[in-house]
Amino acid sequence: VEAYGKAAMVGTSGEVEHASAFIHTLRFGNVFRSAVAGTAYLAFTNTRGGPGTTLSIPMMHKVDAGWRSHYLTLEMQVQDAPAPEEILVAIGASTGGRPHHRIGNRYSDMEEMGLTEG
């Protein structure tokens, strides 16, 4: 695994804060990071939707958040979830970046702009 991300979707009778509460804990994120030897923060999406709604999971490099080649989005659907009072939680992973990526990393932009921290 080179890139990863997480997402949660609450059903139409729920609150986005409930979906957020599931994925924004150290018990969730740290376990996932440890399992794939990652150190970068996990990109995320929290949203609300009904059954079959597309859930987008943003992903980035597991060690270096500045590598734009690994800025990816995984889209998924579960045809019967989330029901109005359910929460759908998902993780995404990729074994590589985008093929033939053409944009530089954040560090080249920072150097060009004369920045030392981003």
PDB file of N, CA and C in Angstrom:
ATOM      1  N   VAL A   1       0.845  -1.187   0.000  1.00  0.00           N
ATOM      2  CA  VAL A   1       0.000   0.000   0.000  1.00  0.00           C
ATOM      3  C   VAL A   1       0.884   1.242   0.000  1.00  0.00           C
ATOM      4  N   GLU A   2       0.634   2.142  -0.958  1.00  0.00           N
ATOM      5  CA  GLU A   2       1.378   3.401  -1.027  1.00  0.00           C
ATOM      6  C   GLU A   2       0.521   4.615  -0.684  1.00  0.00           C
ATOM      7  N   ALA A   3      -0.784   4.523  -0.914  1.00  0.00           N
ATOM      8  CA  ALA A   3      -1.677   5.657  -0.642  1.00  0.00           C
ATOM      9  C   ALA A   3      -2.886   5.146   0.128  1.00  0.00           C
ATOM     10  N   TYR A   4      -3.455   6.047   0.941  1.00  0.00           N
ATOM     11  CA  TYR A   4      -4.609   5.632   1.733  1.00  0.00           C
ATOM     12  C   TYR A   4      -5.517   6.802   2.067  1.00  0.00           C
ATOM     13  N   GLY A   5      -6.737   6.473   2.501  1.00  0.00           N
ATOM     14  CA  GLY A   5      -7.709   7.480   2.904  1.00  0.00           C
ATOM     15  C   GLY A   5      -8.866   6.817   3.632  1.00  0.00           C
ATOM     16  N   LYS A   6      -9.779   7.641   4.113  1.00  0.00           N
ATOM     17  CA  LYS A   6     -10.922   7.124   4.874  1.00  0.00           C
ATOM     18  C   LYS A   6     -12.140   7.986   4.595  1.00  0.00           C
ATOM     19  N   ALA A   7     -13.319   7.420   4.841  1.00  0.00           N
ATOM     20  CA  ALA A   7     -14.554   8.162   4.613  1.00  0.00           C
ATOM     21  C   ALA A   7     -15.673   7.567   5.458  1.00  0.00           C
ATOM     22  N   ALA A   8     -16.665   8.393   5.726  1.00  0.00           N
ATOM     23  CA  ALA A   8     -17.857   7.931   6.431  1.00  0.00           C
ATOM     24  C   ALA A   8     -19.066   8.682   5.888  1.00  0.00           C
ATOM     25  N   MET A   9     -20.166   7.971   5.761  1.00  0.00           N
ATOM     26  CA  MET A   9     -21.412   8.568   5.291  1.00  0.00           C
ATOM     27  C   MET A   9     -22.529   8.171   6.243  1.00  0.00           C
ATOM     28  N   VAL A  10     -23.241   9.162   6.735  1.00  0.00           N
ATOM     29  CA  VAL A  10     -24.374   8.917   7.609  1.00  0.00           C
ATOM     30  C   VAL A  10     -25.637   8.894   6.750  1.00  0.00           C
ATOM     31  N   GLY A  11     -26.608   8.078   7.153  1.00  0.00           N
ATOM     32  CA  GLY A  11     -27.879   8.022   6.437  1.00  0.00           C
ATOM     33  C   GLY A  11     -28.669   9.308   6.592  1.00  0.00           C
ATOM     34  N   THR A  12     -29.757   9.414   5.870  1.00  0.00           N
ATOM     35  CA  THR A  12     -30.522  10.661   5.803  1.00  0.00           C
ATOM     36  C   THR A  12     -31.161  11.083   7.118  1.00  0.00           C
ATOM     37  N   SER A  13     -31.302  10.174   8.072  1.00  0.00           N
ATOM     38  CA  SER A  13     -31.853  10.558   9.378  1.00  0.00           C
ATOM     39  C   SER A  13     -30.763  10.855  10.402  1.00  0.00           C
ATOM     40  N   GLY A  14     -29.522  10.727  10.002  1.00  0.00           N
ATOM     41  CA  GLY A  14     -28.411  10.913  10.934  1.00  0.00           C
ATOM     42  C   GLY A  14     -27.768  12.279  10.820  1.00  0.00           C
ATOM     43  N   GLU A  15     -26.750  12.478  11.641  1.00  0.00           N
ATOM     44  CA  GLU A  15     -25.980  13.715  11.635  1.00  0.00           C
ATOM     45  C   GLU A  15     -24.569  13.414  11.148  1.00  0.00           C
ATOM     46  N   VAL A  16     -24.030  14.276  10.307  1.00  0.00           N
ATOM     47  CA  VAL A  16     -22.679  14.093   9.793  1.00  0.00           C
ATOM     48  C   VAL A  16     -21.682  13.943  10.942  1.00  0.00           C
ATOM     49  N   GLU A  17     -21.945  14.619  12.044  1.00  0.00           N
ATOM     50  CA  GLU A  17     -21.049  14.525  13.203  1.00  0.00           C
ATOM     51  C   GLU A  17     -20.926  13.087  13.711  1.00  0.00           C
ATOM     52  N   HIS A  18     -21.977  12.297  13.575  1.00  0.00           N
ATOM     53  CA  HIS A  18     -21.911  10.901  14.005  1.00  0.00           C
ATOM     54  C   HIS A  18     -20.981  10.101  13.096  1.00  0.00           C
ATOM     55  N   ALA A  19     -21.049  10.338  11.799  1.00  0.00           N
ATOM     56  CA  ALA A  19     -20.132   9.677  10.869  1.00  0.00           C
ATOM     57  C   ALA A  19     -18.699  10.094  11.163  1.00  0.00           C
ATOM     58  N   SER A  20     -18.518  11.367  11.398  1.00  0.00           N
ATOM     59  CA  SER A  20     -17.190  11.900  11.707  1.00  0.00           C
ATOM     60  C   SER A  20     -16.611  11.267  12.962  1.00  0.00           C
ATOM     61  N   ALA A  21     -17.455  11.047  13.954  1.00  0.00           N
ATOM     62  CA  ALA A  21     -16.989  10.484  15.224  1.00  0.00           C
ATOM     63  C   ALA A  21     -16.385   9.091  15.056  1.00  0.00           C
ATOM     64  N   PHE A  22     -16.847   8.349  14.072  1.00  0.00           N
ATOM     65  CA  PHE A  22     -16.307   7.010  13.860  1.00  0.00           C
ATOM     66  C   PHE A  22     -14.894   7.028  13.293  1.00  0.00           C
ATOM     67  N   ILE A  23     -14.606   7.949  12.389  1.00  0.00           N
ATOM     68  CA  ILE A  23     -13.315   7.889  11.694  1.00  0.00           C
ATOM     69  C   ILE A  23     -12.269   8.857  12.231  1.00  0.00           C
ATOM     70  N   HIS A  24     -12.651   9.795  13.056  1.00  0.00           N
ATOM     71  CA  HIS A  24     -11.677  10.760  13.575  1.00  0.00           C
ATOM     72  C   HIS A  24     -11.292  10.432  15.009  1.00  0.00           C
ATOM     73  N   THR A  25     -10.857   9.210  15.203  1.00  0.00           N
ATOM     74  CA  THR A  25     -10.357   8.783  16.509  1.00  0.00           C
ATOM     75  C   THR A  25      -8.992   8.145  16.297  1.00  0.00           C
ATOM     76  N   LEU A  26      -8.157   8.194  17.305  1.00  0.00           N
ATOM     77  CA  LEU A  26      -6.854   7.543  17.200  1.00  0.00           C
ATOM     78  C   LEU A  26      -7.003   6.034  17.086  1.00  0.00           C
ATOM     79  N   ARG A  27      -8.062   5.487  17.667  1.00  0.00           N
ATOM     80  CA  ARG A  27      -8.285   4.038  17.584  1.00  0.00           C
ATOM     81  C   ARG A  27      -8.566   3.590  16.149  1.00  0.00           C
ATOM     82  N   PHE A  28      -9.080   4.473  15.338  1.00  0.00           N
ATOM     83  CA  PHE A  28      -9.332   4.145  13.933  1.00  0.00           C
ATOM     84  C   PHE A  28      -8.102   4.475  13.090  1.00  0.00           C
ATOM     85  N   GLY A  29      -7.700   5.729  13.101  1.00  0.00           N
ATOM     86  CA  GLY A  29      -6.609   6.178  12.239  1.00  0.00           C
ATOM     87  C   GLY A  29      -5.275   5.539  12.552  1.00  0.00           C
ATOM     88  N   ASN A  30      -4.914   5.468  13.822  1.00  0.00           N
ATOM     89  CA  ASN A  30      -3.613   4.901  14.179  1.00  0.00           C
ATOM     90  C   ASN A  30      -3.516   3.420  13.832  1.00  0.00           C
ATOM     91  N   VAL A  31      -4.607   2.695  14.002  1.00  0.00           N
ATOM     92  CA  VAL A  31      -4.605   1.269  13.659  1.00  0.00           C
ATOM     93  C   VAL A  31      -4.413   1.094  12.154  1.00  0.00           C
ATOM     94  N   PHE A  32      -5.113   1.899  11.358  1.00  0.00           N
ATOM     95  CA  PHE A  32      -4.977   1.824   9.900  1.00  0.00           C
ATOM     96  C   PHE A  32      -3.555   2.199   9.488  1.00  0.00           C
ATOM     97  N   ARG A  33      -3.045   3.318  10.002  1.00  0.00           N
ATOM     98  CA  ARG A  33      -1.678   3.741   9.671  1.00  0.00           C
ATOM     99  C   ARG A  33      -0.666   2.656  10.030  1.00  0.00           C
ATOM    100  N   SER A  34      -0.794   2.096  11.206  1.00  0.00           N
ATOM    101  CA  SER A  34       0.131   1.055  11.656  1.00  0.00           C
ATOM    102  C   SER A  34       0.075  -0.173  10.745  1.00  0.00           C
ATOM    103  N   ALA A  35      -1.110  -0.548  10.333  1.00  0.00           N
ATOM    104  CA  ALA A  35      -1.283  -1.737   9.492  1.00  0.00           C
ATOM    105  C   ALA A  35      -0.579  -1.611   8.149  1.00  0.00           C
ATOM    106  N   VAL A  36      -0.452  -0.387   7.640  1.00  0.00           N
ATOM    107  CA  VAL A  36       0.177  -0.189   6.325  1.00  0.00           C
ATOM    108  C   VAL A  36       1.507   0.553   6.425  1.00  0.00           C
ATOM    109  N   ALA A  37       2.032   0.702   7.632  1.00  0.00           N
ATOM    110  CA  ALA A  37       3.305   1.397   7.876  1.00  0.00           C
ATOM    111  C   ALA A  37       3.263   2.835   7.368  1.00  0.00           C
ATOM    112  N   GLY A  38       2.147   3.504   7.586  1.00  0.00           N
ATOM    113  CA  GLY A  38       2.004   4.896   7.177  1.00  0.00           C
ATOM    114  C   GLY A  38       2.299   5.850   8.314  1.00  0.00           C
ATOM    115  N   THR A  39       2.672   7.075   7.949  1.00  0.00           N
ATOM    116  CA  THR A  39       2.920   8.109   8.953  1.00  0.00           C
ATOM    117  C   THR A  39       2.171   9.401   8.652  1.00  0.00           C
ATOM    118  N   ALA A  40       1.747   9.592   7.414  1.00  0.00           N
ATOM    119  CA  ALA A  40       1.031  10.816   7.036  1.00  0.00           C
ATOM    120  C   ALA A  40      -0.409  10.753   7.545  1.00  0.00           C
ATOM    121  N   TYR A  41      -1.016  11.932   7.699  1.00  0.00           N
ATOM    122  CA  TYR A  41      -2.418  11.947   8.114  1.00  0.00           C
ATOM    123  C   TYR A  41      -3.278  11.303   7.037  1.00  0.00           C
ATOM    124  N   LEU A  42      -4.433  10.834   7.423  1.00  0.00           N
ATOM    125  CA  LEU A  42      -5.354  10.196   6.490  1.00  0.00           C
ATOM    126  C   LEU A  42      -6.294  11.244   5.906  1.00  0.00           C
ATOM    127  N   ALA A  43      -6.282  11.374   4.583  1.00  0.00           N
ATOM    128  CA  ALA A  43      -7.259  12.238   3.930  1.00  0.00           C
ATOM    129  C   ALA A  43      -8.641  11.645   4.204  1.00  0.00           C
ATOM    130  N   PHE A  44      -9.672  12.499   4.240  1.00  0.00           N
ATOM    131  CA  PHE A  44     -10.981  11.994   4.657  1.00  0.00           C
ATOM    132  C   PHE A  44     -12.125  12.742   4.003  1.00  0.00           C
ATOM    133  N   THR A  45     -13.292  12.105   4.065  1.00  0.00           N
ATOM    134  CA  THR A  45     -14.564  12.700   3.680  1.00  0.00           C
ATOM    135  C   THR A  45     -15.605  12.280   4.711  1.00  0.00           C
ATOM    136  N   ASN A  46     -16.417  13.240   5.153  1.00  0.00           N
ATOM    137  CA  ASN A  46     -17.582  12.974   6.004  1.00  0.00           C
ATOM    138  C   ASN A  46     -18.778  13.541   5.254  1.00  0.00           C
ATOM    139  N   THR A  47     -19.822  12.755   5.094  1.00  0.00           N
ATOM    140  CA  THR A  47     -20.953  13.243   4.313  1.00  0.00           C
ATOM    141  C   THR A  47     -22.242  12.532   4.721  1.00  0.00           C
ATOM    142  N   ARG A  48     -23.334  12.930   4.084  1.00  0.00           N
ATOM    143  CA  ARG A  48     -24.645  12.325   4.323  1.00  0.00           C
ATOM    144  C   ARG A  48     -25.201  11.872   2.976  1.00  0.00           C
ATOM    145  N   GLY A  49     -25.928  10.762   2.989  1.00  0.00           N
ATOM    146  CA  GLY A  49     -26.523  10.281   1.755  1.00  0.00           C
ATOM    147  C   GLY A  49     -27.446   9.111   2.011  1.00  0.00           C
ATOM    148  N   GLY A  50     -28.127   8.720   0.975  1.00  0.00           N
ATOM    149  CA  GLY A  50     -29.035   7.586   1.057  1.00  0.00           C
ATOM    150  C   GLY A  50     -28.426   6.352   0.427  1.00  0.00           C
ATOM    151  N   PRO A  51     -29.163   5.248   0.421  1.00  0.00           N
ATOM    152  CA  PRO A  51     -28.663   4.013  -0.170  1.00  0.00           C
ATOM    153  C   PRO A  51     -28.185   4.220  -1.607  1.00  0.00           C
ATOM    154  N   GLY A  52     -27.011   3.696  -1.901  1.00  0.00           N
ATOM    155  CA  GLY A  52     -26.463   3.791  -3.248  1.00  0.00           C
ATOM    156  C   GLY A  52     -25.754   5.090  -3.573  1.00  0.00           C
ATOM    157  N   THR A  53     -25.722   6.029  -2.649  1.00  0.00           N
ATOM    158  CA  THR A  53     -25.021   7.291  -2.892  1.00  0.00           C
ATOM    159  C   THR A  53     -23.530   7.020  -3.053  1.00  0.00           C
ATOM    160  N   THR A  54     -22.900   7.657  -4.025  1.00  0.00           N
ATOM    161  CA  THR A  54     -21.464   7.494  -4.224  1.00  0.00           C
ATOM    162  C   THR A  54     -20.699   8.101  -3.061  1.00  0.00           C
ATOM    163  N   LEU A  55     -19.786   7.331  -2.513  1.00  0.00           N
ATOM    164  CA  LEU A  55     -18.912   7.789  -1.439  1.00  0.00           C
ATOM    165  C   LEU A  55     -17.521   7.958  -2.032  1.00  0.00           C
ATOM    166  N   SER A  56     -16.990   9.160  -1.973  1.00  0.00           N
ATOM    167  CA  SER A  56     -15.648   9.444  -2.482  1.00  0.00           C
ATOM    168  C   SER A  56     -14.651   9.377  -1.335  1.00  0.00           C
ATOM    169  N   ILE A  57     -13.587   8.616  -1.535  1.00  0.00           N
ATOM    170  CA  ILE A  57     -12.539   8.484  -0.526  1.00  0.00           C
ATOM    171  C   ILE A  57     -11.273   9.120  -1.089  1.00  0.00           C
ATOM    172  N   PRO A  58     -10.896  10.302  -0.585  1.00  0.00           N
ATOM    173  CA  PRO A  58      -9.657  10.923  -1.057  1.00  0.00           C
ATOM    174  C   PRO A  58      -8.463  10.165  -0.481  1.00  0.00           C
ATOM    175  N   MET A  59      -7.413  10.044  -1.278  1.00  0.00           N
ATOM    176  CA  MET A  59      -6.225   9.339  -0.809  1.00  0.00           C
ATOM    177  C   MET A  59      -4.980  10.163  -1.105  1.00  0.00           C
ATOM    178  N   MET A  60      -3.944   9.896  -0.326  1.00  0.00           N
ATOM    179  CA  MET A  60      -2.647  10.534  -0.525  1.00  0.00           C
ATOM    180  C   MET A  60      -1.564   9.566  -0.083  1.00  0.00           C
ATOM    181  N   HIS A  61      -0.311   9.901  -0.376  1.00  0.00           N
ATOM    182  CA  HIS A  61       0.796   9.008  -0.032  1.00  0.00           C
ATOM    183  C   HIS A  61       0.825   8.750   1.467  1.00  0.00           C
ATOM    184  N   LYS A  62       1.095   7.533   1.850  1.00  0.00           N
ATOM    185  CA  LYS A  62       1.026   7.141   3.262  1.00  0.00           C
ATOM    186  C   LYS A  62       2.159   7.700   4.113  1.00  0.00           C
ATOM    187  N   VAL A  63       3.237   8.156   3.491  1.00  0.00           N
ATOM    188  CA  VAL A  63       4.373   8.672   4.251  1.00  0.00           C
ATOM    189  C   VAL A  63       4.623  10.147   3.962  1.00  0.00           C
ATOM    190  N   ASP A  64       4.412  10.562   2.722  1.00  0.00           N
ATOM    191  CA  ASP A  64       4.750  11.929   2.325  1.00  0.00           C
ATOM    192  C   ASP A  64       3.555  12.604   1.651  1.00  0.00           C
ATOM    193  N   ALA A  65       2.897  13.478   2.381  1.00  0.00           N
ATOM    194  CA  ALA A  65       1.690  14.147   1.878  1.00  0.00           C
ATOM    195  C   ALA A  65       1.976  15.091   0.717  1.00  0.00           C
ATOM    196  N   GLY A  66       3.228  15.384   0.440  1.00  0.00           N
ATOM    197  CA  GLY A  66       3.574  16.309  -0.633  1.00  0.00           C
ATOM    198  C   GLY A  66       3.677  15.676  -2.003  1.00  0.00           C
ATOM    199  N   TRP A  67       3.602  14.378  -2.101  1.00  0.00           N
ATOM    200  CA  TRP A  67       3.710  13.704  -3.388  1.00  0.00           C
ATOM    201  C   TRP A  67       2.366  13.725  -4.096  1.00  0.00           C
ATOM    202  N   ARG A  68       2.206  14.624  -5.032  1.00  0.00           N
ATOM    203  CA  ARG A  68       0.924  14.766  -5.734  1.00  0.00           C
ATOM    204  C   ARG A  68       0.595  13.583  -6.628  1.00  0.00           C
ATOM    205  N   SER A  69       1.580  12.803  -6.993  1.00  0.00           N
ATOM    206  CA  SER A  69       1.316  11.619  -7.824  1.00  0.00           C
ATOM    207  C   SER A  69       0.366  10.650  -7.123  1.00  0.00           C
ATOM    208  N   HIS A  70       0.275  10.766  -5.806  1.00  0.00           N
ATOM    209  CA  HIS A  70      -0.568   9.870  -5.024  1.00  0.00           C
ATOM    210  C   HIS A  70      -1.843  10.559  -4.521  1.00  0.00           C
ATOM    211  N   TYR A  71      -2.175  11.723  -5.070  1.00  0.00           N
ATOM    212  CA  TYR A  71      -3.460  12.357  -4.770  1.00  0.00           C
ATOM    213  C   TYR A  71      -4.495  11.657  -5.644  1.00  0.00           C
ATOM    214  N   LEU A  72      -5.223  10.750  -5.050  1.00  0.00           N
ATOM    215  CA  LEU A  72      -6.169   9.901  -5.762  1.00  0.00           C
ATOM    216  C   LEU A  72      -7.537   9.977  -5.103  1.00  0.00           C
ATOM    217  N   THR A  73      -8.566   9.549  -5.817  1.00  0.00           N
ATOM    218  CA  THR A  73      -9.904   9.446  -5.242  1.00  0.00           C
ATOM    219  C   THR A  73     -10.492   8.096  -5.619  1.00  0.00           C
ATOM    220  N   LEU A  74     -10.917   7.369  -4.619  1.00  0.00           N
ATOM    221  CA  LEU A  74     -11.614   6.106  -4.814  1.00  0.00           C
ATOM    222  C   LEU A  74     -13.101   6.385  -4.645  1.00  0.00           C
ATOM    223  N   GLU A  75     -13.898   5.985  -5.619  1.00  0.00           N
ATOM    224  CA  GLU A  75     -15.342   6.150  -5.503  1.00  0.00           C
ATOM    225  C   GLU A  75     -15.980   4.781  -5.366  1.00  0.00           C
ATOM    226  N   MET A  76     -16.925   4.681  -4.431  1.00  0.00           N
ATOM    227  CA  MET A  76     -17.599   3.406  -4.196  1.00  0.00           C
ATOM    228  C   MET A  76     -19.063   3.635  -3.869  1.00  0.00           C
ATOM    229  N   GLN A  77     -19.839   2.589  -4.040  1.00  0.00           N
ATOM    230  CA  GLN A  77     -21.255   2.613  -3.685  1.00  0.00           C
ATOM    231  C   GLN A  77     -21.622   1.290  -3.030  1.00  0.00           C
ATOM    232  N   VAL A  78     -22.509   1.351  -2.064  1.00  0.00           N
ATOM    233  CA  VAL A  78     -23.128   0.158  -1.495  1.00  0.00           C
ATOM    234  C   VAL A  78     -24.614   0.339  -1.779  1.00  0.00           C
ATOM    235  N   GLN A  79     -25.157  -0.489  -2.637  1.00  0.00           N
ATOM    236  CA  GLN A  79     -26.502  -0.252  -3.161  1.00  0.00           C
ATOM    237  C   GLN A  79     -27.593  -0.165  -2.102  1.00  0.00           C
ATOM    238  N   ASP A  80     -27.413  -0.821  -0.959  1.00  0.00           N
ATOM    239  CA  ASP A  80     -28.464  -0.774   0.066  1.00  0.00           C
ATOM    240  C   ASP A  80     -27.993  -0.079   1.349  1.00  0.00           C
ATOM    241  N   ALA A  81     -26.999   0.768   1.242  1.00  0.00           N
ATOM    242  CA  ALA A  81     -26.498   1.464   2.436  1.00  0.00           C
ATOM    243  C   ALA A  81     -26.005   2.862   2.063  1.00  0.00           C
ATOM    244  N   PRO A  82     -26.049   3.790   2.959  1.00  0.00           N
ATOM    245  CA  PRO A  82     -26.573   3.632   4.308  1.00  0.00           C
ATOM    246  C   PRO A  82     -28.093   3.831   4.346  1.00  0.00           C
ATOM    247  N   ALA A  83     -28.752   3.038   5.161  1.00  0.00           N
ATOM    248  CA  ALA A  83     -30.178   3.249   5.433  1.00  0.00           C
ATOM    249  C   ALA A  83     -30.295   4.535   6.252  1.00  0.00           C
ATOM    250  N   PRO A  84     -31.496   5.086   6.417  1.00  0.00           N
ATOM    251  CA  PRO A  84     -31.640   6.380   7.101  1.00  0.00           C
ATOM    252  C   PRO A  84     -30.939   6.486   8.454  1.00  0.00           C
ATOM    253  N   GLU A  85     -30.871   5.407   9.211  1.00  0.00           N
ATOM    254  CA  GLU A  85     -30.250   5.481  10.538  1.00  0.00           C
ATOM    255  C   GLU A  85     -28.958   4.676  10.625  1.00  0.00           C
ATOM    256  N   GLU A  86     -28.306   4.457   9.493  1.00  0.00           N
ATOM    257  CA  GLU A  86     -27.044   3.724   9.461  1.00  0.00           C
ATOM    258  C   GLU A  86     -25.874   4.665   9.191  1.00  0.00           C
ATOM    259  N   ILE A  87     -24.671   4.152   9.458  1.00  0.00           N
ATOM    260  CA  ILE A  87     -23.435   4.862   9.125  1.00  0.00           C
ATOM    261  C   ILE A  87     -22.566   3.907   8.317  1.00  0.00           C
ATOM    262  N   LEU A  88     -22.118   4.365   7.166  1.00  0.00           N
ATOM    263  CA  LEU A  88     -21.226   3.601   6.303  1.00  0.00           C
ATOM    264  C   LEU A  88     -19.809   4.127   6.523  1.00  0.00           C
ATOM    265  N   VAL A  89     -18.896   3.255   6.899  1.00  0.00           N
ATOM    266  CA  VAL A  89     -17.498   3.621   7.123  1.00  0.00           C
ATOM    267  C   VAL A  89     -16.654   2.837   6.131  1.00  0.00           C
ATOM    268  N   ALA A  90     -15.716   3.519   5.464  1.00  0.00           N
ATOM    269  CA  ALA A  90     -14.893   2.853   4.454  1.00  0.00           C
ATOM    270  C   ALA A  90     -13.456   3.354   4.512  1.00  0.00           C
ATOM    271  N   ILE A  91     -12.542   2.485   4.130  1.00  0.00           N
ATOM    272  CA  ILE A  91     -11.149   2.874   3.953  1.00  0.00           C
ATOM    273  C   ILE A  91     -10.770   2.600   2.509  1.00  0.00           C
ATOM    274  N   GLY A  92      -9.816   3.349   2.013  1.00  0.00           N
ATOM    275  CA  GLY A  92      -9.334   3.151   0.656  1.00  0.00           C
ATOM    276  C   GLY A  92      -7.826   3.011   0.666  1.00  0.00           C
ATOM    277  N   ALA A  93      -7.302   2.237  -0.265  1.00  0.00           N
ATOM    278  CA  ALA A  93      -5.863   2.051  -0.371  1.00  0.00           C
ATOM    279  C   ALA A  93      -5.493   1.834  -1.831  1.00  0.00           C
ATOM    280  N   SER A  94      -4.267   2.214  -2.168  1.00  0.00           N
ATOM    281  CA  SER A  94      -3.762   2.050  -3.521  1.00  0.00           C
ATOM    282  C   SER A  94      -2.330   1.532  -3.456  1.00  0.00           C
ATOM    283  N   THR A  95      -1.974   0.700  -4.399  1.00  0.00           N
ATOM    284  CA  THR A  95      -0.613   0.170  -4.431  1.00  0.00           C
ATOM    285  C   THR A  95       0.343   1.051  -5.221  1.00  0.00           C
ATOM    286  N   GLY A  96      -0.131   2.195  -5.687  1.00  0.00           N
ATOM    287  CA  GLY A  96       0.732   3.118  -6.418  1.00  0.00           C
ATOM    288  C   GLY A  96       0.025   4.424  -6.683  1.00  0.00           C
ATOM    289  N   GLY A  97       0.750   5.334  -7.302  1.00  0.00           N
ATOM    290  CA  GLY A  97       0.184   6.624  -7.665  1.00  0.00           C
ATOM    291  C   GLY A  97      -0.463   6.570  -9.040  1.00  0.00           C
ATOM    292  N   ARG A  98      -0.830   7.738  -9.547  1.00  0.00           N
ATOM    293  CA  ARG A  98      -1.414   7.814 -10.882  1.00  0.00           C
ATOM    294  C   ARG A  98      -0.344   7.497 -11.923  1.00  0.00           C
ATOM    295  N   PRO A  99      -0.668   6.687 -12.919  1.00  0.00           N
ATOM    296  CA  PRO A  99       0.313   6.446 -13.976  1.00  0.00           C
ATOM    297  C   PRO A  99       0.512   7.714 -14.802  1.00  0.00           C
ATOM    298  N   HIS A 100       1.730   7.970 -15.165  1.00  0.00           N
ATOM    299  CA  HIS A 100       2.082   9.109 -16.028  1.00  0.00           C
ATOM    300  C   HIS A 100       1.657  10.455 -15.444  1.00  0.00           C
ATOM    301  N   HIS A 101       1.755  10.604 -14.140  1.00  0.00           N
ATOM    302  CA  HIS A 101       1.392  11.891 -13.538  1.00  0.00           C
ATOM    303  C   HIS A 101       2.337  12.972 -14.067  1.00  0.00           C
ATOM    304  N   ARG A 102       1.828  14.193 -14.192  1.00  0.00           N
ATOM    305  CA  ARG A 102       2.610  15.266 -14.786  1.00  0.00           C
ATOM    306  C   ARG A 102       2.770  16.492 -13.896  1.00  0.00           C
ATOM    307  N   ILE A 103       2.141  16.497 -12.749  1.00  0.00           N
ATOM    308  CA  ILE A 103       2.306  17.660 -11.882  1.00  0.00           C
ATOM    309  C   ILE A 103       3.363  17.347 -10.840  1.00  0.00           C
ATOM    310  N   GLY A 104       4.120  18.367 -10.482  1.00  0.00           N
ATOM    311  CA  GLY A 104       5.203  18.193  -9.517  1.00  0.00           C
ATOM    312  C   GLY A 104       4.683  17.988  -8.108  1.00  0.00           C
ATOM    313  N   ASN A 105       5.616  17.821  -7.197  1.00  0.00           N
ATOM    314  CA  ASN A 105       5.208  17.682  -5.806  1.00  0.00           C
ATOM    315  C   ASN A 105       5.117  19.055  -5.150  1.00  0.00           C
ATOM    316  N   ARG A 106       4.581  19.095  -3.958  1.00  0.00           N
ATOM    317  CA  ARG A 106       4.396  20.368  -3.252  1.00  0.00           C
ATOM    318  C   ARG A 106       5.726  21.041  -2.951  1.00  0.00           C
ATOM    319  N   TYR A 107       6.789  20.267  -2.808  1.00  0.00           N
ATOM    320  CA  TYR A 107       8.078  20.834  -2.427  1.00  0.00           C
ATOM    321  C   TYR A 107       8.669  21.703  -3.533  1.00  0.00           C
ATOM    322  N   SER A 108       8.461  21.318  -4.790  1.00  0.00           N
ATOM    323  CA  SER A 108       8.961  22.154  -5.883  1.00  0.00           C
ATOM    324  C   SER A 108       8.199  23.476  -5.926  1.00  0.00           C
ATOM    325  N   ASP A 109       6.900  23.459  -5.631  1.00  0.00           N
ATOM    326  CA  ASP A 109       6.126  24.707  -5.557  1.00  0.00           C
ATOM    327  C   ASP A 109       6.640  25.587  -4.429  1.00  0.00           C
ATOM    328  N   MET A 110       6.888  24.987  -3.274  1.00  0.00           N
ATOM    329  CA  MET A 110       7.360  25.756  -2.121  1.00  0.00           C
ATOM    330  C   MET A 110       8.714  26.396  -2.417  1.00  0.00           C
ATOM    331  N   GLU A 111       9.591  25.641  -3.063  1.00  0.00           N
ATOM    332  CA  GLU A 111      10.909  26.176  -3.414  1.00  0.00           C
ATOM    333  C   GLU A 111      10.764  27.356  -4.367  1.00  0.00           C
ATOM    334  N   GLU A 112       9.917  27.204  -5.372  1.00  0.00           N
ATOM    335  CA  GLU A 112       9.685  28.263  -6.351  1.00  0.00           C
ATOM    336  C   GLU A 112       9.112  29.519  -5.699  1.00  0.00           C
ATOM    337  N   MET A 113       8.279  29.337  -4.669  1.00  0.00           N
ATOM    338  CA  MET A 113       7.650  30.469  -3.988  1.00  0.00           C
ATOM    339  C   MET A 113       8.498  31.015  -2.839  1.00  0.00           C
ATOM    340  N   GLY A 114       9.637  30.374  -2.566  1.00  0.00           N
ATOM    341  CA  GLY A 114      10.498  30.833  -1.491  1.00  0.00           C
ATOM    342  C   GLY A 114       9.974  30.500  -0.109  1.00  0.00           C
ATOM    343  N   LEU A 115       9.158  29.452  -0.010  1.00  0.00           N
ATOM    344  CA  LEU A 115       8.590  29.048   1.277  1.00  0.00           C
ATOM    345  C   LEU A 115       9.408  27.920   1.887  1.00  0.00           C
ATOM    346  N   THR A 116       9.481  27.901   3.198  1.00  0.00           N
ATOM    347  CA  THR A 116      10.187  26.815   3.875  1.00  0.00           C
ATOM    348  C   THR A 116       9.228  25.879   4.590  1.00  0.00           C
ATOM    349  N   GLU A 117       7.997  26.322   4.840  1.00  0.00           N
ATOM    350  CA  GLU A 117       6.984  25.478   5.478  1.00  0.00           C
ATOM    351  C   GLU A 117       5.687  25.598   4.693  1.00  0.00           C
ATOM    352  N   GLY A 118       4.957  24.509   4.587  1.00  0.00           N
ATOM    353  CA  GLY A 118       3.735  24.554   3.816  1.00  0.00           C
ATOM    354  C   GLY A 118       2.560  24.171   4.586  1.00  0.00           C
TER     355      GLY A 118
END
